[in-house]
Amino acid sequence: MAHQHSSQPRLSPSSDTEDMVMLLAPRLAHFAGVARTEHVTRAAQELQVPQSTLSRAMVRLEQDLGVDLFARRGRTVSLTPAGRTFLASVERALAEIERAADEVRADADATTGKVAFGFLHTMGAETVPGLLQAFRVDHPRVRFSLVQNYGEAMLEKLRAGELDLCLTSPVPEAPGLVARRLDEQKLRLVVPADHPLAARRRIRLAEASDETFVTLEPGYGLRRITDHLCLEAGFRPRIAFEGEETETLRGLVAAGLGVALLPPPTVPRPGVVELAITGQRAVREIGVAWLEGRTDTPPVAAFKRFLLSRRGGLLPD
C-alpha cells in the first residue's frame, strides 16, 4: 500500500539533515507513546503532557514529514503503513539513546565509574601499575580506560575529550590545559659497557659533545629535554637513530650505536653503564594534566585527588 501524503506544509526539500533532526528529535518519544497506546488521552497521561499539546505535536510531526502517520477515529488512532515504518526506526533510535544515557551515567558513578587515563611509555612498566593498585585499595570497582603514548599525542587526546587525565613530561604550559608537577627523574648519560667513559661515575654533558646519540623521535618530551640539555652544554647532538621507546634506545646503546640521555631503567640493563650528569640540572619533570573548565565525574575527581596526593612520591625509589 502506498503511503498517504499529508496536504499540510512540509519541510522544504532544501532542508538539510541537521535541520530535520533538530525538528524531529524532541517529538520522537511523544510519537512512540501515542503509537504504543493508540490513544491520545492515555498517551498524554503516561507522558505527563497536556493532551492538547500532544495532539498538536503529532499534527506538526506529520506536517514536517509530509506524511500521515496516524489514521484518526476521535481520540483513538492507529498507525498508517508510513507510521509503522517510522515507528520501527524511532524505537531503535530511542533505545540507542537510552543505552547511551545508561552508559554515561554508569561511567560517572562514584563507585563503578570510569576514568580515561593516559601515560608515557616509560611510566607503563612499574609506575602506573603501582598507582592503579594503590588507588583501587579504596576504589576497587572503578574502571580505567588506559592510553599509553608520547606527551603531545596525549595532550591532543585531552583537548579532544578522549582522556580525563594524563601523566606527561615536560609539565605542559598550554592554553586550555591545567597541569601540576608531581615528581622528577634524574637523567643519566647511558654509554656502552666497553666505552672509554664507562669507567666514570659522573660526567659533564659537554664532555659527550663528540659522541653519537640515539634519541626518541621529535615530538617526544624526552627528545625536547635532550636537545635542550645538549644546547645548554654548548653543542647539538649528532643523531644516529630516533626511536619510540627508551628501552629500545638502551639496547642500541649496548650494541654500540651511540650514547643516550635517559631516565633510570625499571630493571638494570646489561651491556650499559649509566653516568650521573654534573654541572647542570639534568632532570625530567613528570606532571598530571587535564582540560581546563571540564567538570570531573566523581571517579575522575577521586583519581585526580589521589594523583595530587602523590607529589614527590609518584615514582619508585
Foldseek 3Di string as FASTA:
>chain_A
DDFAFDPAAEDDPPDDPVVLCVLCVVCLVLLLLCAVVQFLVVSCVVVVHDSVVSVVSQVVNSNHVRTDQWDDDPRGIYGDPVVVVVNVVSVVVVVVVVVVVVLVVQLLDLQQHEFEEEEEPQCPPPQVVVLVVVLCVVRVRYYYNYHYAADVVVVVCQVVVNHAKYKYWPFDDDPQKDKDWFAKFFKWKKAFCPDPCNVAQADAVLVCQVWEEEEADPPGRVVVLVQVSVVVSPHGHHYDYHHGDPVVRNVVRLVVSTIYIGGDHPDDDPRIHTHGHPDDRRMIIIMMMHGPPDDGRNNSVSSVVSSNVNRHPSDDD
